[in-house]
Amino acid sequence: MSTDSIKQQLENTPTGTYLMAHGHFGGSINATIEQGTLKSIDWANGTLVLHSTTYDRDQTVEISKISYIDASRSGSGALGPAQAPDLRQVGNDWYRGDVKVK
């Protein structure tokens, strides 16, 4: 994504939204992620502040170093389980975990 499209995405993101900013932060060679709830945006300095809910601290992120932003999560961790429950048969019915399969 271009810096302009990232800025446009940020303009439409309310404060308090959980964000995962992907990019090259802190001089890293490999891509890294900064994540937390959006606390503020400083357009003049080209930075945003994310509040880490895990470590209870603020992290300043340079907008120009962001490759893309994932705003689809509500907190740190995976979007879903790593694996689905096994299928099991109860009488003539099949279940995946506790959910009956049609």
PDB file of N, CA and C in Angstrom:
ATOM      1  N   MET A   1       0.839  -1.188   0.000  1.00  0.00           N
ATOM      2  CA  MET A   1       0.000   0.000   0.000  1.00  0.00           C
ATOM      3  C   MET A   1       0.878   1.244   0.000  1.00  0.00           C
ATOM      4  N   SER A   2       0.394   2.266  -0.592  1.00  0.00           N
ATOM      5  CA  SER A   2       1.134   3.520  -0.598  1.00  0.00           C
ATOM      6  C   SER A   2       0.891   4.256   0.725  1.00  0.00           C
ATOM      7  N   THR A   3       1.787   5.167   1.022  1.00  0.00           N
ATOM      8  CA  THR A   3       1.638   5.967   2.241  1.00  0.00           C
ATOM      9  C   THR A   3       0.335   6.753   2.208  1.00  0.00           C
ATOM     10  N   ASP A   4      -0.061   7.229   1.027  1.00  0.00           N
ATOM     11  CA  ASP A   4      -1.318   7.984   0.909  1.00  0.00           C
ATOM     12  C   ASP A   4      -2.521   7.117   1.241  1.00  0.00           C
ATOM     13  N   SER A   5      -2.539   5.860   0.771  1.00  0.00           N
ATOM     14  CA  SER A   5      -3.680   4.993   1.069  1.00  0.00           C
ATOM     15  C   SER A   5      -3.689   4.585   2.549  1.00  0.00           C
ATOM     16  N   ILE A   6      -2.514   4.466   3.151  1.00  0.00           N
ATOM     17  CA  ILE A   6      -2.453   4.172   4.589  1.00  0.00           C
ATOM     18  C   ILE A   6      -2.978   5.367   5.376  1.00  0.00           C
ATOM     19  N   LYS A   7      -2.588   6.571   4.963  1.00  0.00           N
ATOM     20  CA  LYS A   7      -3.093   7.781   5.627  1.00  0.00           C
ATOM     21  C   LYS A   7      -4.611   7.874   5.497  1.00  0.00           C
ATOM     22  N   GLN A   8      -5.131   7.531   4.317  1.00  0.00           N
ATOM     23  CA  GLN A   8      -6.575   7.561   4.109  1.00  0.00           C
ATOM     24  C   GLN A   8      -7.270   6.535   5.003  1.00  0.00           C
ATOM     25  N   GLN A   9      -6.686   5.347   5.124  1.00  0.00           N
ATOM     26  CA  GLN A   9      -7.258   4.327   6.008  1.00  0.00           C
ATOM     27  C   GLN A   9      -7.261   4.818   7.454  1.00  0.00           C
ATOM     28  N   LEU A  10      -6.161   5.450   7.878  1.00  0.00           N
ATOM     29  CA  LEU A  10      -6.070   5.961   9.246  1.00  0.00           C
ATOM     30  C   LEU A  10      -7.070   7.085   9.500  1.00  0.00           C
ATOM     31  N   GLU A  11      -7.306   7.924   8.490  1.00  0.00           N
ATOM     32  CA  GLU A  11      -8.279   9.012   8.646  1.00  0.00           C
ATOM     33  C   GLU A  11      -9.668   8.473   8.940  1.00  0.00           C
ATOM     34  N   ASN A  12      -9.965   7.284   8.434  1.00  0.00           N
ATOM     35  CA  ASN A  12     -11.279   6.675   8.612  1.00  0.00           C
ATOM     36  C   ASN A  12     -11.336   5.690   9.777  1.00  0.00           C
ATOM     37  N   THR A  13     -10.268   5.632  10.580  1.00  0.00           N
ATOM     38  CA  THR A  13     -10.202   4.691  11.697  1.00  0.00           C
ATOM     39  C   THR A  13     -10.425   5.441  13.009  1.00  0.00           C
ATOM     40  N   PRO A  14     -11.474   5.078  13.751  1.00  0.00           N
ATOM     41  CA  PRO A  14     -11.731   5.759  15.022  1.00  0.00           C
ATOM     42  C   PRO A  14     -10.672   5.428  16.086  1.00  0.00           C
ATOM     43  N   THR A  15     -10.407   6.386  16.945  1.00  0.00           N
ATOM     44  CA  THR A  15      -9.541   6.158  18.090  1.00  0.00           C
ATOM     45  C   THR A  15     -10.125   5.000  18.897  1.00  0.00           C
ATOM     46  N   GLY A  16      -9.238   4.132  19.413  1.00  0.00           N
ATOM     47  CA  GLY A  16      -9.685   2.979  20.196  1.00  0.00           C
ATOM     48  C   GLY A  16      -9.804   1.704  19.380  1.00  0.00           C
ATOM     49  N   THR A  17      -9.649   1.812  18.039  1.00  0.00           N
ATOM     50  CA  THR A  17      -9.703   0.627  17.179  1.00  0.00           C
ATOM     51  C   THR A  17      -8.407  -0.167  17.337  1.00  0.00           C
ATOM     52  N   TYR A  18      -8.519  -1.499  17.431  1.00  0.00           N
ATOM     53  CA  TYR A  18      -7.329  -2.348  17.532  1.00  0.00           C
ATOM     54  C   TYR A  18      -6.707  -2.485  16.147  1.00  0.00           C
ATOM     55  N   LEU A  19      -5.413  -2.161  16.037  1.00  0.00           N
ATOM     56  CA  LEU A  19      -4.700  -2.202  14.760  1.00  0.00           C
ATOM     57  C   LEU A  19      -3.452  -3.067  14.857  1.00  0.00           C
ATOM     58  N   MET A  20      -3.141  -3.712  13.746  1.00  0.00           N
ATOM     59  CA  MET A  20      -1.856  -4.389  13.578  1.00  0.00           C
ATOM     60  C   MET A  20      -1.169  -3.690  12.409  1.00  0.00           C
ATOM     61  N   ALA A  21      -0.115  -2.943  12.697  1.00  0.00           N
ATOM     62  CA  ALA A  21       0.622  -2.218  11.664  1.00  0.00           C
ATOM     63  C   ALA A  21       1.818  -3.074  11.246  1.00  0.00           C
ATOM     64  N   HIS A  22       1.831  -3.490   9.981  1.00  0.00           N
ATOM     65  CA  HIS A  22       2.913  -4.296   9.438  1.00  0.00           C
ATOM     66  C   HIS A  22       3.895  -3.370   8.737  1.00  0.00           C
ATOM     67  N   GLY A  23       5.186  -3.594   8.955  1.00  0.00           N
ATOM     68  CA  GLY A  23       6.190  -2.764   8.308  1.00  0.00           C
ATOM     69  C   GLY A  23       7.578  -3.112   8.798  1.00  0.00           C
ATOM     70  N   HIS A  24       8.504  -2.203   8.560  1.00  0.00           N
ATOM     71  CA  HIS A  24       9.891  -2.385   8.989  1.00  0.00           C
ATOM     72  C   HIS A  24      10.186  -1.332  10.053  1.00  0.00           C
ATOM     73  N   PHE A  25      10.001  -1.713  11.301  1.00  0.00           N
ATOM     74  CA  PHE A  25      10.137  -0.784  12.418  1.00  0.00           C
ATOM     75  C   PHE A  25      11.433  -1.052  13.185  1.00  0.00           C
ATOM     76  N   GLY A  26      11.977  -0.005  13.779  1.00  0.00           N
ATOM     77  CA  GLY A  26      13.162  -0.140  14.625  1.00  0.00           C
ATOM     78  C   GLY A  26      14.404  -0.586  13.890  1.00  0.00           C
ATOM     79  N   GLY A  27      14.495  -0.282  12.601  1.00  0.00           N
ATOM     80  CA  GLY A  27      15.682  -0.636  11.835  1.00  0.00           C
ATOM     81  C   GLY A  27      15.770  -2.110  11.493  1.00  0.00           C
ATOM     82  N   SER A  28      14.686  -2.843  11.625  1.00  0.00           N
ATOM     83  CA  SER A  28      14.710  -4.274  11.338  1.00  0.00           C
ATOM     84  C   SER A  28      14.825  -4.538   9.839  1.00  0.00           C
ATOM     85  N   ILE A  29      15.486  -5.627   9.490  1.00  0.00           N
ATOM     86  CA  ILE A  29      15.599  -6.045   8.095  1.00  0.00           C
ATOM     87  C   ILE A  29      14.313  -6.755   7.681  1.00  0.00           C
ATOM     88  N   ASN A  30      13.812  -7.610   8.570  1.00  0.00           N
ATOM     89  CA  ASN A  30      12.581  -8.351   8.298  1.00  0.00           C
ATOM     90  C   ASN A  30      11.371  -7.532   8.727  1.00  0.00           C
ATOM     91  N   ALA A  31      10.251  -7.827   8.112  1.00  0.00           N
ATOM     92  CA  ALA A  31       9.008  -7.145   8.475  1.00  0.00           C
ATOM     93  C   ALA A  31       8.631  -7.485   9.917  1.00  0.00           C
ATOM     94  N   THR A  32       8.105  -6.508  10.618  1.00  0.00           N
ATOM     95  CA  THR A  32       7.655  -6.684  11.992  1.00  0.00           C
ATOM     96  C   THR A  32       6.246  -6.121  12.116  1.00  0.00           C
ATOM     97  N   ILE A  33       5.650  -6.323  13.282  1.00  0.00           N
ATOM     98  CA  ILE A  33       4.290  -5.843  13.531  1.00  0.00           C
ATOM     99  C   ILE A  33       4.278  -5.066  14.834  1.00  0.00           C
ATOM    100  N   GLU A  34       3.657  -3.913  14.803  1.00  0.00           N
ATOM    101  CA  GLU A  34       3.336  -3.162  16.012  1.00  0.00           C
ATOM    102  C   GLU A  34       1.825  -3.222  16.138  1.00  0.00           C
ATOM    103  N   GLN A  35       1.330  -3.532  17.331  1.00  0.00           N
ATOM    104  CA  GLN A  35      -0.113  -3.673  17.471  1.00  0.00           C
ATOM    105  C   GLN A  35      -0.606  -3.094  18.785  1.00  0.00           C
ATOM    106  N   GLY A  36      -1.865  -2.694  18.756  1.00  0.00           N
ATOM    107  CA  GLY A  36      -2.520  -2.141  19.930  1.00  0.00           C
ATOM    108  C   GLY A  36      -3.699  -1.281  19.509  1.00  0.00           C
ATOM    109  N   THR A  37      -4.325  -0.664  20.492  1.00  0.00           N
ATOM    110  CA  THR A  37      -5.454   0.216  20.186  1.00  0.00           C
ATOM    111  C   THR A  37      -4.918   1.581  19.766  1.00  0.00           C
ATOM    112  N   LEU A  38      -5.548   2.151  18.743  1.00  0.00           N
ATOM    113  CA  LEU A  38      -5.134   3.456  18.241  1.00  0.00           C
ATOM    114  C   LEU A  38      -5.438   4.511  19.289  1.00  0.00           C
ATOM    115  N   LYS A  39      -4.383   5.167  19.765  1.00  0.00           N
ATOM    116  CA  LYS A  39      -4.533   6.190  20.805  1.00  0.00           C
ATOM    117  C   LYS A  39      -4.575   7.584  20.200  1.00  0.00           C
ATOM    118  N   SER A  40      -3.679   7.834  19.237  1.00  0.00           N
ATOM    119  CA  SER A  40      -3.641   9.163  18.617  1.00  0.00           C
ATOM    120  C   SER A  40      -2.845   9.111  17.319  1.00  0.00           C
ATOM    121  N   ILE A  41      -3.055  10.148  16.489  1.00  0.00           N
ATOM    122  CA  ILE A  41      -2.300  10.318  15.246  1.00  0.00           C
ATOM    123  C   ILE A  41      -1.751  11.733  15.241  1.00  0.00           C
ATOM    124  N   ASP A  42      -0.449  11.851  14.997  1.00  0.00           N
ATOM    125  CA  ASP A  42       0.209  13.148  14.889  1.00  0.00           C
ATOM    126  C   ASP A  42       0.562  13.343  13.410  1.00  0.00           C
ATOM    127  N   TRP A  43      -0.342  13.991  12.675  1.00  0.00           N
ATOM    128  CA  TRP A  43      -0.145  14.156  11.242  1.00  0.00           C
ATOM    129  C   TRP A  43       1.085  15.003  10.939  1.00  0.00           C
ATOM    130  N   ALA A  44       1.364  16.005  11.760  1.00  0.00           N
ATOM    131  CA  ALA A  44       2.502  16.905  11.519  1.00  0.00           C
ATOM    132  C   ALA A  44       3.830  16.150  11.574  1.00  0.00           C
ATOM    133  N   ASN A  45       3.946  15.194  12.494  1.00  0.00           N
ATOM    134  CA  ASN A  45       5.188  14.424  12.632  1.00  0.00           C
ATOM    135  C   ASN A  45       5.133  13.076  11.918  1.00  0.00           C
ATOM    136  N   GLY A  46       3.981  12.724  11.342  1.00  0.00           N
ATOM    137  CA  GLY A  46       3.857  11.474  10.604  1.00  0.00           C
ATOM    138  C   GLY A  46       3.938  10.240  11.477  1.00  0.00           C
ATOM    139  N   THR A  47       3.340  10.315  12.667  1.00  0.00           N
ATOM    140  CA  THR A  47       3.384   9.176  13.589  1.00  0.00           C
ATOM    141  C   THR A  47       1.995   8.888  14.147  1.00  0.00           C
ATOM    142  N   LEU A  48       1.867   7.683  14.668  1.00  0.00           N
ATOM    143  CA  LEU A  48       0.664   7.326  15.411  1.00  0.00           C
ATOM    144  C   LEU A  48       1.106   6.619  16.675  1.00  0.00           C
ATOM    145  N   VAL A  49       0.228   6.608  17.659  1.00  0.00           N
ATOM    146  CA  VAL A  49       0.526   5.946  18.928  1.00  0.00           C
ATOM    147  C   VAL A  49      -0.467   4.803  19.102  1.00  0.00           C
ATOM    148  N   LEU A  50       0.094   3.604  19.314  1.00  0.00           N
ATOM    149  CA  LEU A  50      -0.705   2.423  19.604  1.00  0.00           C
ATOM    150  C   LEU A  50      -0.490   2.059  21.060  1.00  0.00           C
ATOM    151  N   HIS A  51      -1.575   1.740  21.762  1.00  0.00           N
ATOM    152  CA  HIS A  51      -1.461   1.317  23.159  1.00  0.00           C
ATOM    153  C   HIS A  51      -1.551  -0.203  23.204  1.00  0.00           C
ATOM    154  N   SER A  52      -0.469  -0.836  23.664  1.00  0.00           N
ATOM    155  CA  SER A  52      -0.429  -2.287  23.778  1.00  0.00           C
ATOM    156  C   SER A  52      -1.284  -2.727  24.956  1.00  0.00           C
ATOM    157  N   THR A  53      -2.314  -3.513  24.654  1.00  0.00           N
ATOM    158  CA  THR A  53      -3.171  -4.030  25.725  1.00  0.00           C
ATOM    159  C   THR A  53      -2.482  -5.171  26.462  1.00  0.00           C
ATOM    160  N   THR A  54      -1.513  -5.811  25.821  1.00  0.00           N
ATOM    161  CA  THR A  54      -0.777  -6.907  26.450  1.00  0.00           C
ATOM    162  C   THR A  54       0.236  -6.378  27.454  1.00  0.00           C
ATOM    163  N   TYR A  55       1.016  -5.365  27.063  1.00  0.00           N
ATOM    164  CA  TYR A  55       2.095  -4.850  27.906  1.00  0.00           C
ATOM    165  C   TYR A  55       1.752  -3.535  28.598  1.00  0.00           C
ATOM    166  N   ASP A  56       0.547  -3.001  28.373  1.00  0.00           N
ATOM    167  CA  ASP A  56       0.094  -1.749  28.979  1.00  0.00           C
ATOM    168  C   ASP A  56       1.118  -0.625  28.792  1.00  0.00           C
ATOM    169  N   ARG A  57       1.501  -0.411  27.532  1.00  0.00           N
ATOM    170  CA  ARG A  57       2.449   0.664  27.209  1.00  0.00           C
ATOM    171  C   ARG A  57       2.101   1.234  25.845  1.00  0.00           C
ATOM    172  N   ASP A  58       2.573   2.434  25.588  1.00  0.00           N
ATOM    173  CA  ASP A  58       2.341   3.099  24.305  1.00  0.00           C
ATOM    174  C   ASP A  58       3.551   2.901  23.405  1.00  0.00           C
ATOM    175  N   GLN A  59       3.276   2.742  22.112  1.00  0.00           N
ATOM    176  CA  GLN A  59       4.334   2.590  21.120  1.00  0.00           C
ATOM    177  C   GLN A  59       4.080   3.582  19.996  1.00  0.00           C
ATOM    178  N   THR A  60       5.067   4.426  19.697  1.00  0.00           N
ATOM    179  CA  THR A  60       4.964   5.382  18.599  1.00  0.00           C
ATOM    180  C   THR A  60       5.446   4.713  17.317  1.00  0.00           C
ATOM    181  N   VAL A  61       4.652   4.821  16.267  1.00  0.00           N
ATOM    182  CA  VAL A  61       4.941   4.169  14.989  1.00  0.00           C
ATOM    183  C   VAL A  61       5.004   5.231  13.897  1.00  0.00           C
ATOM    184  N   GLU A  62       6.053   5.180  13.071  1.00  0.00           N
ATOM    185  CA  GLU A  62       6.164   6.096  11.940  1.00  0.00           C
ATOM    186  C   GLU A  62       5.255   5.614  10.812  1.00  0.00           C
ATOM    187  N   ILE A  63       4.347   6.464  10.379  1.00  0.00           N
ATOM    188  CA  ILE A  63       3.390   6.100   9.340  1.00  0.00           C
ATOM    189  C   ILE A  63       4.102   5.721   8.042  1.00  0.00           C
ATOM    190  N   SER A  64       5.205   6.386   7.722  1.00  0.00           N
ATOM    191  CA  SER A  64       5.920   6.118   6.465  1.00  0.00           C
ATOM    192  C   SER A  64       6.557   4.727   6.432  1.00  0.00           C
ATOM    193  N   LYS A  65       6.707   4.079   7.584  1.00  0.00           N
ATOM    194  CA  LYS A  65       7.312   2.743   7.643  1.00  0.00           C
ATOM    195  C   LYS A  65       6.269   1.622   7.641  1.00  0.00           C
ATOM    196  N   ILE A  66       4.988   1.991   7.588  1.00  0.00           N
ATOM    197  CA  ILE A  66       3.922   0.991   7.584  1.00  0.00           C
ATOM    198  C   ILE A  66       3.705   0.476   6.170  1.00  0.00           C
ATOM    199  N   SER A  67       3.701  -0.860   6.025  1.00  0.00           N
ATOM    200  CA  SER A  67       3.413  -1.494   4.733  1.00  0.00           C
ATOM    201  C   SER A  67       1.913  -1.640   4.540  1.00  0.00           C
ATOM    202  N   TYR A  68       1.234  -2.116   5.572  1.00  0.00           N
ATOM    203  CA  TYR A  68      -0.225  -2.201   5.551  1.00  0.00           C
ATOM    204  C   TYR A  68      -0.741  -2.335   6.964  1.00  0.00           C
ATOM    205  N   ILE A  69      -2.035  -2.085   7.126  1.00  0.00           N
ATOM    206  CA  ILE A  69      -2.676  -2.117   8.433  1.00  0.00           C
ATOM    207  C   ILE A  69      -3.800  -3.141   8.416  1.00  0.00           C
ATOM    208  N   ASP A  70      -3.808  -3.998   9.431  1.00  0.00           N
ATOM    209  CA  ASP A  70      -4.882  -4.979   9.616  1.00  0.00           C
ATOM    210  C   ASP A  70      -5.739  -4.486  10.776  1.00  0.00           C
ATOM    211  N   ALA A  71      -6.981  -4.102  10.468  1.00  0.00           N
ATOM    212  CA  ALA A  71      -7.893  -3.615  11.504  1.00  0.00           C
ATOM    213  C   ALA A  71      -9.030  -4.609  11.746  1.00  0.00           C
ATOM    214  N   SER A  72      -8.829  -5.864  11.331  1.00  0.00           N
ATOM    215  CA  SER A  72      -9.903  -6.857  11.417  1.00  0.00           C
ATOM    216  C   SER A  72      -9.981  -7.565  12.759  1.00  0.00           C
ATOM    217  N   ARG A  73      -9.041  -7.316  13.643  1.00  0.00           N
ATOM    218  CA  ARG A  73      -9.003  -8.028  14.917  1.00  0.00           C
ATOM    219  C   ARG A  73      -9.485  -7.137  16.051  1.00  0.00           C
ATOM    220  N   SER A  74      -9.849  -7.783  17.141  1.00  0.00           N
ATOM    221  CA  SER A  74     -10.282  -7.017  18.315  1.00  0.00           C
ATOM    222  C   SER A  74      -9.247  -7.090  19.427  1.00  0.00           C
ATOM    223  N   GLY A  75      -8.155  -7.799  19.192  1.00  0.00           N
ATOM    224  CA  GLY A  75      -7.090  -7.928  20.181  1.00  0.00           C
ATOM    225  C   GLY A  75      -5.984  -8.797  19.629  1.00  0.00           C
ATOM    226  N   SER A  76      -4.915  -8.957  20.396  1.00  0.00           N
ATOM    227  CA  SER A  76      -3.802  -9.769  19.922  1.00  0.00           C
ATOM    228  C   SER A  76      -4.219 -11.226  19.859  1.00  0.00           C
ATOM    229  N   GLY A  77      -3.509 -12.010  19.087  1.00  0.00           N
ATOM    230  CA  GLY A  77      -3.807 -13.435  18.958  1.00  0.00           C
ATOM    231  C   GLY A  77      -4.386 -13.763  17.607  1.00  0.00           C
ATOM    232  N   ALA A  78      -4.684 -15.026  17.422  1.00  0.00           N
ATOM    233  CA  ALA A  78      -5.181 -15.523  16.146  1.00  0.00           C
ATOM    234  C   ALA A  78      -6.631 -15.108  15.922  1.00  0.00           C
ATOM    235  N   LEU A  79      -7.016 -15.065  14.667  1.00  0.00           N
ATOM    236  CA  LEU A  79      -8.398 -14.745  14.319  1.00  0.00           C
ATOM    237  C   LEU A  79      -9.341 -15.895  14.653  1.00  0.00           C
ATOM    238  N   GLY A  80      -8.832 -17.104  14.645  1.00  0.00           N
ATOM    239  CA  GLY A  80      -9.661 -18.268  14.932  1.00  0.00           C
ATOM    240  C   GLY A  80      -8.813 -19.394  15.484  1.00  0.00           C
ATOM    241  N   PRO A  81      -9.428 -20.517  15.793  1.00  0.00           N
ATOM    242  CA  PRO A  81      -8.672 -21.628  16.340  1.00  0.00           C
ATOM    243  C   PRO A  81      -7.686 -22.191  15.319  1.00  0.00           C
ATOM    244  N   ALA A  82      -6.622 -22.776  15.803  1.00  0.00           N
ATOM    245  CA  ALA A  82      -5.613 -23.361  14.924  1.00  0.00           C
ATOM    246  C   ALA A  82      -6.142 -24.615  14.238  1.00  0.00           C
ATOM    247  N   GLN A  83      -7.073 -25.287  14.866  1.00  0.00           N
ATOM    248  CA  GLN A  83      -7.663 -26.471  14.246  1.00  0.00           C
ATOM    249  C   GLN A  83      -9.131 -26.568  14.632  1.00  0.00           C
ATOM    250  N   ALA A  84      -9.880 -27.267  13.815  1.00  0.00           N
ATOM    251  CA  ALA A  84     -11.306 -27.456  14.078  1.00  0.00           C
ATOM    252  C   ALA A  84     -11.501 -28.731  14.894  1.00  0.00           C
ATOM    253  N   PRO A  85     -12.539 -28.781  15.716  1.00  0.00           N
ATOM    254  CA  PRO A  85     -12.804 -30.012  16.466  1.00  0.00           C
ATOM    255  C   PRO A  85     -13.073 -31.174  15.520  1.00  0.00           C
ATOM    256  N   ASP A  86     -12.764 -32.359  15.978  1.00  0.00           N
ATOM    257  CA  ASP A  86     -12.989 -33.563  15.184  1.00  0.00           C
ATOM    258  C   ASP A  86     -14.476 -33.849  15.040  1.00  0.00           C
ATOM    259  N   LEU A  87     -14.797 -34.537  13.948  1.00  0.00           N
ATOM    260  CA  LEU A  87     -16.161 -35.017  13.755  1.00  0.00           C
ATOM    261  C   LEU A  87     -16.392 -36.220  14.664  1.00  0.00           C
ATOM    262  N   ARG A  88     -17.610 -36.307  15.206  1.00  0.00           N
ATOM    263  CA  ARG A  88     -17.980 -37.472  16.015  1.00  0.00           C
ATOM    264  C   ARG A  88     -19.434 -37.796  15.746  1.00  0.00           C
ATOM    265  N   GLN A  89     -19.742 -39.069  15.857  1.00  0.00           N
ATOM    266  CA  GLN A  89     -21.096 -39.513  15.583  1.00  0.00           C
ATOM    267  C   GLN A  89     -21.803 -39.837  16.887  1.00  0.00           C
ATOM    268  N   VAL A  90     -23.032 -39.318  17.024  1.00  0.00           N
ATOM    269  CA  VAL A  90     -23.886 -39.610  18.172  1.00  0.00           C
ATOM    270  C   VAL A  90     -25.180 -40.157  17.591  1.00  0.00           C
ATOM    271  N   GLY A  91     -25.392 -41.472  17.733  1.00  0.00           N
ATOM    272  CA  GLY A  91     -26.542 -42.107  17.096  1.00  0.00           C
ATOM    273  C   GLY A  91     -26.398 -41.992  15.594  1.00  0.00           C
ATOM    274  N   ASN A  92     -27.380 -41.411  14.925  1.00  0.00           N
ATOM    275  CA  ASN A  92     -27.321 -41.209  13.477  1.00  0.00           C
ATOM    276  C   ASN A  92     -26.873 -39.798  13.104  1.00  0.00           C
ATOM    277  N   ASP A  93     -26.564 -38.971  14.091  1.00  0.00           N
ATOM    278  CA  ASP A  93     -26.191 -37.578  13.850  1.00  0.00           C
ATOM    279  C   ASP A  93     -24.680 -37.390  13.964  1.00  0.00           C
ATOM    280  N   TRP A  94     -24.158 -36.449  13.174  1.00  0.00           N
ATOM    281  CA  TRP A  94     -22.741 -36.108  13.212  1.00  0.00           C
ATOM    282  C   TRP A  94     -22.563 -34.733  13.845  1.00  0.00           C
ATOM    283  N   TYR A  95     -21.539 -34.595  14.676  1.00  0.00           N
ATOM    284  CA  TYR A  95     -21.216 -33.346  15.365  1.00  0.00           C
ATOM    285  C   TYR A  95     -19.766 -32.965  15.119  1.00  0.00           C
ATOM    286  N   ARG A  96     -19.527 -31.666  15.006  1.00  0.00           N
ATOM    287  CA  ARG A  96     -18.163 -31.127  15.010  1.00  0.00           C
ATOM    288  C   ARG A  96     -18.087 -30.337  16.299  1.00  0.00           C
ATOM    289  N   GLY A  97     -17.354 -30.875  17.275  1.00  0.00           N
ATOM    290  CA  GLY A  97     -17.388 -30.306  18.625  1.00  0.00           C
ATOM    291  C   GLY A  97     -18.780 -30.515  19.176  1.00  0.00           C
ATOM    292  N   ASP A  98     -19.460 -29.447  19.576  1.00  0.00           N
ATOM    293  CA  ASP A  98     -20.827 -29.539  20.082  1.00  0.00           C
ATOM    294  C   ASP A  98     -21.871 -29.080  19.070  1.00  0.00           C
ATOM    295  N   VAL A  99     -21.455 -28.851  17.821  1.00  0.00           N
ATOM    296  CA  VAL A  99     -22.337 -28.329  16.790  1.00  0.00           C
ATOM    297  C   VAL A  99     -22.736 -29.462  15.842  1.00  0.00           C
ATOM    298  N   LYS A 100     -24.045 -29.650  15.681  1.00  0.00           N
ATOM    299  CA  LYS A 100     -24.542 -30.684  14.781  1.00  0.00           C
ATOM    300  C   LYS A 100     -24.274 -30.291  13.338  1.00  0.00           C
ATOM    301  N   VAL A 101     -23.705 -31.236  12.563  1.00  0.00           N
ATOM    302  CA  VAL A 101     -23.427 -31.027  11.153  1.00  0.00           C
ATOM    303  C   VAL A 101     -24.642 -31.468  10.361  1.00  0.00           C
ATOM    304  N   LYS A 102     -25.110 -30.628   9.443  1.00  0.00           N
ATOM    305  CA  LYS A 102     -26.328 -30.937   8.676  1.00  0.00           C
ATOM    306  C   LYS A 102     -26.035 -31.848   7.519  1.00  0.00           C
TER     307      LYS A 102
END
